[in-house]
N, C-alpha and C. Protein backbone atom coordinates (compact mmCIF):
# COMPACT_ATOMS: atom_id res chain seq x y z
N MET A 1 35.36 -9.28 30.54
CA MET A 1 33.91 -9.25 30.43
C MET A 1 33.52 -9.38 28.95
N VAL A 2 32.63 -10.30 28.67
CA VAL A 2 32.17 -10.52 27.30
C VAL A 2 30.66 -10.32 27.25
N ASN A 3 30.22 -9.47 26.36
CA ASN A 3 28.79 -9.27 26.14
C ASN A 3 28.47 -9.70 24.71
N THR A 4 27.30 -10.20 24.50
CA THR A 4 26.87 -10.62 23.18
C THR A 4 25.87 -9.63 22.62
N ILE A 5 26.11 -9.22 21.39
CA ILE A 5 25.18 -8.35 20.68
C ILE A 5 24.59 -9.16 19.55
N VAL A 6 23.30 -9.22 19.49
CA VAL A 6 22.62 -9.96 18.43
C VAL A 6 21.90 -8.97 17.53
N LEU A 7 22.23 -8.99 16.25
CA LEU A 7 21.54 -8.14 15.27
C LEU A 7 20.37 -8.92 14.70
N LYS A 8 19.22 -8.30 14.69
CA LYS A 8 17.99 -8.93 14.20
C LYS A 8 17.42 -8.11 13.05
N SER A 9 16.31 -8.56 12.54
CA SER A 9 15.68 -7.83 11.43
C SER A 9 15.31 -6.41 11.83
N SER A 10 15.10 -6.16 13.10
CA SER A 10 14.79 -4.80 13.56
C SER A 10 15.99 -3.86 13.43
N ASN A 11 17.21 -4.41 13.24
CA ASN A 11 18.41 -3.60 13.07
C ASN A 11 18.68 -3.28 11.60
N ILE A 12 17.88 -3.79 10.69
CA ILE A 12 18.09 -3.53 9.26
C ILE A 12 17.68 -2.10 8.95
N THR A 13 18.57 -1.36 8.30
CA THR A 13 18.24 0.01 7.91
C THR A 13 17.99 0.14 6.42
N ASP A 14 18.45 -0.83 5.64
CA ASP A 14 18.23 -0.84 4.19
C ASP A 14 17.16 -1.88 3.89
N THR A 15 15.91 -1.47 3.88
CA THR A 15 14.81 -2.43 3.72
C THR A 15 14.62 -2.90 2.30
N ASN A 16 15.30 -2.28 1.32
CA ASN A 16 15.19 -2.74 -0.06
C ASN A 16 16.02 -3.99 -0.31
N LYS A 17 17.22 -4.03 0.26
CA LYS A 17 18.12 -5.14 -0.03
C LYS A 17 18.61 -5.87 1.22
N ASN A 18 18.16 -5.45 2.38
CA ASN A 18 18.57 -6.08 3.65
C ASN A 18 20.08 -6.15 3.80
N SER A 19 20.78 -5.09 3.41
CA SER A 19 22.24 -5.16 3.39
C SER A 19 22.93 -4.28 4.42
N THR A 20 22.19 -3.49 5.17
CA THR A 20 22.81 -2.59 6.14
C THR A 20 22.13 -2.74 7.50
N PHE A 21 22.96 -2.99 8.51
CA PHE A 21 22.46 -3.12 9.87
C PHE A 21 23.01 -1.97 10.71
N LYS A 22 22.26 -1.59 11.74
CA LYS A 22 22.71 -0.53 12.64
C LYS A 22 22.41 -0.97 14.07
N TYR A 23 23.40 -0.79 14.93
CA TYR A 23 23.23 -1.08 16.35
C TYR A 23 23.62 0.15 17.14
N ASP A 24 22.74 0.63 17.97
CA ASP A 24 23.02 1.79 18.81
C ASP A 24 23.44 1.30 20.19
N PHE A 25 24.70 1.56 20.53
CA PHE A 25 25.20 1.19 21.85
C PHE A 25 24.59 2.10 22.90
N PRO A 26 24.32 1.57 24.07
CA PRO A 26 23.79 2.42 25.15
C PRO A 26 24.80 3.52 25.49
N ASN A 27 24.32 4.68 25.88
CA ASN A 27 25.17 5.81 26.23
C ASN A 27 26.08 5.49 27.42
N SER A 28 25.71 4.52 28.23
CA SER A 28 26.49 4.21 29.43
C SER A 28 27.78 3.45 29.12
N ILE A 29 27.96 2.99 27.88
CA ILE A 29 29.17 2.25 27.53
C ILE A 29 30.28 3.23 27.16
N ASN A 30 31.41 3.07 27.82
CA ASN A 30 32.60 3.88 27.56
C ASN A 30 33.61 2.98 26.85
N PHE A 31 34.00 3.31 25.63
CA PHE A 31 34.91 2.48 24.86
C PHE A 31 36.39 2.82 25.09
N LYS A 32 36.67 3.69 26.02
CA LYS A 32 38.06 4.04 26.31
C LYS A 32 38.76 2.83 26.92
N ASP A 33 39.92 2.50 26.36
CA ASP A 33 40.72 1.36 26.82
C ASP A 33 39.96 0.03 26.74
N MET A 34 39.11 -0.08 25.74
CA MET A 34 38.37 -1.33 25.52
C MET A 34 38.59 -1.79 24.09
N GLU A 35 38.36 -3.04 23.86
CA GLU A 35 38.44 -3.61 22.52
C GLU A 35 37.09 -4.16 22.14
N LEU A 36 36.81 -4.07 20.87
CA LEU A 36 35.56 -4.60 20.34
C LEU A 36 35.93 -5.55 19.20
N GLY A 37 35.47 -6.77 19.26
CA GLY A 37 35.82 -7.73 18.22
C GLY A 37 34.63 -8.60 17.84
N LEU A 38 34.70 -9.12 16.65
CA LEU A 38 33.67 -10.03 16.16
C LEU A 38 34.12 -11.45 16.43
N ILE A 39 33.34 -12.17 17.20
CA ILE A 39 33.69 -13.55 17.53
C ILE A 39 33.13 -14.50 16.48
N SER A 40 31.89 -14.29 16.08
CA SER A 40 31.31 -15.15 15.04
C SER A 40 30.19 -14.40 14.34
N ALA A 41 29.92 -14.84 13.13
CA ALA A 41 28.84 -14.24 12.35
C ALA A 41 28.22 -15.32 11.48
N SER A 42 26.94 -15.25 11.31
CA SER A 42 26.22 -16.14 10.40
C SER A 42 25.53 -15.27 9.38
N LEU A 43 25.89 -15.45 8.14
CA LEU A 43 25.30 -14.66 7.07
C LEU A 43 24.62 -15.62 6.12
N TYR A 44 23.32 -15.59 6.12
CA TYR A 44 22.55 -16.48 5.26
C TYR A 44 22.35 -15.83 3.91
N TYR A 45 22.30 -16.66 2.88
CA TYR A 45 22.12 -16.16 1.52
C TYR A 45 20.69 -15.66 1.39
N SER A 46 20.54 -14.34 1.46
CA SER A 46 19.19 -13.79 1.44
C SER A 46 19.09 -12.54 0.58
N TRP A 47 20.06 -12.32 -0.29
CA TRP A 47 19.98 -11.15 -1.16
C TRP A 47 19.46 -11.59 -2.51
N PHE A 48 18.93 -10.63 -3.25
CA PHE A 48 18.34 -10.93 -4.55
C PHE A 48 19.41 -11.41 -5.54
N ASN A 49 19.10 -12.48 -6.26
CA ASN A 49 19.97 -12.91 -7.34
C ASN A 49 19.33 -12.63 -8.70
N ILE A 50 18.11 -12.14 -8.70
CA ILE A 50 17.42 -11.68 -9.91
C ILE A 50 16.95 -10.26 -9.62
N SER A 51 17.47 -9.28 -10.41
CA SER A 51 17.09 -7.89 -10.15
C SER A 51 17.35 -7.04 -11.39
N ASP A 52 16.72 -5.86 -11.39
CA ASP A 52 17.00 -4.88 -12.45
C ASP A 52 18.46 -4.47 -12.42
N GLU A 53 19.00 -4.32 -11.22
CA GLU A 53 20.39 -3.90 -11.07
C GLU A 53 21.35 -4.89 -11.73
N LEU A 54 21.03 -6.19 -11.61
CA LEU A 54 21.86 -7.22 -12.23
C LEU A 54 21.54 -7.40 -13.71
N GLY A 55 20.41 -6.86 -14.15
CA GLY A 55 20.03 -6.94 -15.55
C GLY A 55 19.62 -8.33 -16.00
N ASN A 56 19.06 -9.11 -15.10
CA ASN A 56 18.71 -10.49 -15.46
C ASN A 56 17.24 -10.85 -15.18
N ARG A 57 16.38 -9.86 -15.11
CA ARG A 57 14.96 -10.12 -14.86
C ARG A 57 14.23 -10.62 -16.10
N ILE A 58 14.70 -10.25 -17.27
CA ILE A 58 14.03 -10.64 -18.52
C ILE A 58 15.00 -11.44 -19.37
N PHE A 59 14.56 -12.61 -19.81
CA PHE A 59 15.39 -13.41 -20.71
C PHE A 59 14.49 -14.15 -21.68
N GLN A 60 15.10 -14.68 -22.74
CA GLN A 60 14.35 -15.36 -23.78
C GLN A 60 14.97 -16.72 -24.09
N TYR A 61 14.15 -17.59 -24.59
CA TYR A 61 14.64 -18.87 -25.10
C TYR A 61 13.82 -19.22 -26.34
N LYS A 62 14.40 -20.09 -27.17
CA LYS A 62 13.71 -20.51 -28.40
C LYS A 62 13.25 -21.95 -28.25
N LEU A 63 12.06 -22.18 -28.75
CA LEU A 63 11.42 -23.49 -28.66
C LEU A 63 10.93 -23.87 -30.06
N TYR A 64 11.20 -25.09 -30.46
CA TYR A 64 10.75 -25.52 -31.78
C TYR A 64 9.27 -25.89 -31.70
N ASP A 65 8.46 -25.26 -32.54
CA ASP A 65 7.02 -25.52 -32.62
C ASP A 65 6.78 -26.36 -33.87
N ALA A 66 6.53 -27.66 -33.66
CA ALA A 66 6.36 -28.58 -34.78
C ALA A 66 5.15 -28.21 -35.64
N SER A 67 4.09 -27.69 -35.02
CA SER A 67 2.90 -27.35 -35.80
C SER A 67 3.17 -26.18 -36.75
N ALA A 68 4.08 -25.31 -36.38
CA ALA A 68 4.42 -24.18 -37.24
C ALA A 68 5.68 -24.46 -38.05
N SER A 69 6.32 -25.59 -37.78
CA SER A 69 7.59 -25.96 -38.42
C SER A 69 8.62 -24.83 -38.32
N ASP A 70 8.66 -24.22 -37.16
CA ASP A 70 9.58 -23.10 -36.96
C ASP A 70 9.85 -22.94 -35.46
N TYR A 71 10.84 -22.14 -35.16
CA TYR A 71 11.15 -21.83 -33.77
C TYR A 71 10.31 -20.65 -33.29
N VAL A 72 9.90 -20.73 -32.04
CA VAL A 72 9.12 -19.66 -31.40
C VAL A 72 9.97 -19.12 -30.25
N THR A 73 10.06 -17.82 -30.15
CA THR A 73 10.81 -17.19 -29.06
C THR A 73 9.87 -16.91 -27.90
N LYS A 74 10.25 -17.40 -26.73
CA LYS A 74 9.48 -17.17 -25.50
C LYS A 74 10.24 -16.18 -24.64
N THR A 75 9.54 -15.22 -24.07
CA THR A 75 10.14 -14.23 -23.18
C THR A 75 9.65 -14.48 -21.76
N ILE A 76 10.59 -14.52 -20.83
CA ILE A 76 10.28 -14.71 -19.41
C ILE A 76 10.67 -13.43 -18.68
N GLU A 77 9.74 -12.91 -17.88
CA GLU A 77 10.02 -11.73 -17.06
C GLU A 77 9.75 -12.10 -15.61
N LEU A 78 10.78 -11.99 -14.79
CA LEU A 78 10.69 -12.36 -13.38
C LEU A 78 10.60 -11.12 -12.50
N VAL A 79 9.93 -11.25 -11.39
CA VAL A 79 9.89 -10.21 -10.38
C VAL A 79 11.21 -10.28 -9.61
N GLU A 80 11.75 -9.14 -9.19
CA GLU A 80 12.99 -9.15 -8.42
C GLU A 80 12.83 -10.05 -7.19
N GLY A 81 13.86 -10.82 -6.90
CA GLY A 81 13.79 -11.69 -5.74
C GLY A 81 14.95 -12.66 -5.68
N LEU A 82 14.85 -13.57 -4.73
CA LEU A 82 15.83 -14.63 -4.53
C LEU A 82 15.25 -15.91 -5.12
N TYR A 83 15.88 -16.43 -6.16
CA TYR A 83 15.38 -17.61 -6.86
C TYR A 83 16.36 -18.76 -6.76
N GLU A 84 15.80 -19.95 -6.66
CA GLU A 84 16.58 -21.17 -6.78
C GLU A 84 16.29 -21.76 -8.15
N ILE A 85 17.07 -22.74 -8.56
CA ILE A 85 16.93 -23.30 -9.90
C ILE A 85 15.52 -23.86 -10.13
N GLY A 86 14.92 -24.44 -9.11
CA GLY A 86 13.55 -24.96 -9.24
C GLY A 86 12.55 -23.86 -9.55
N ASP A 87 12.75 -22.68 -8.95
CA ASP A 87 11.87 -21.54 -9.23
C ASP A 87 12.00 -21.10 -10.68
N LEU A 88 13.24 -21.09 -11.19
CA LEU A 88 13.46 -20.70 -12.57
C LEU A 88 12.86 -21.72 -13.53
N ASN A 89 12.97 -22.98 -13.19
CA ASN A 89 12.38 -24.02 -14.05
C ASN A 89 10.85 -23.87 -14.13
N LYS A 90 10.23 -23.49 -13.05
CA LYS A 90 8.78 -23.28 -13.05
C LYS A 90 8.37 -22.09 -13.90
N ALA A 91 9.25 -21.11 -14.00
CA ALA A 91 8.95 -19.90 -14.78
C ALA A 91 8.88 -20.20 -16.27
N TRP A 92 9.47 -21.28 -16.72
CA TRP A 92 9.50 -21.63 -18.14
C TRP A 92 8.18 -22.20 -18.59
N ILE A 93 7.38 -22.64 -17.69
CA ILE A 93 6.11 -23.31 -18.05
C ILE A 93 5.03 -22.30 -18.36
């Protein structure tokens, strides 16, 4: 007998990082002399890659300002989240 258990967003117990799921088996299931195995899993990239924990929310770059004939330091501060390279490029503007 094979049953399928699907974990959804309603099973997430860690709402800050979406990293912990919990499934409550019905009381009627007896696991004596049974095996439980994972047949397949799909894990999508959905965790933060920019965060205070990683220490990468704030960074700086230098830009040459011809009118001042000197370099100007620009500071970028990002909100914690999942960023792609295009998102980071937009932050520089």
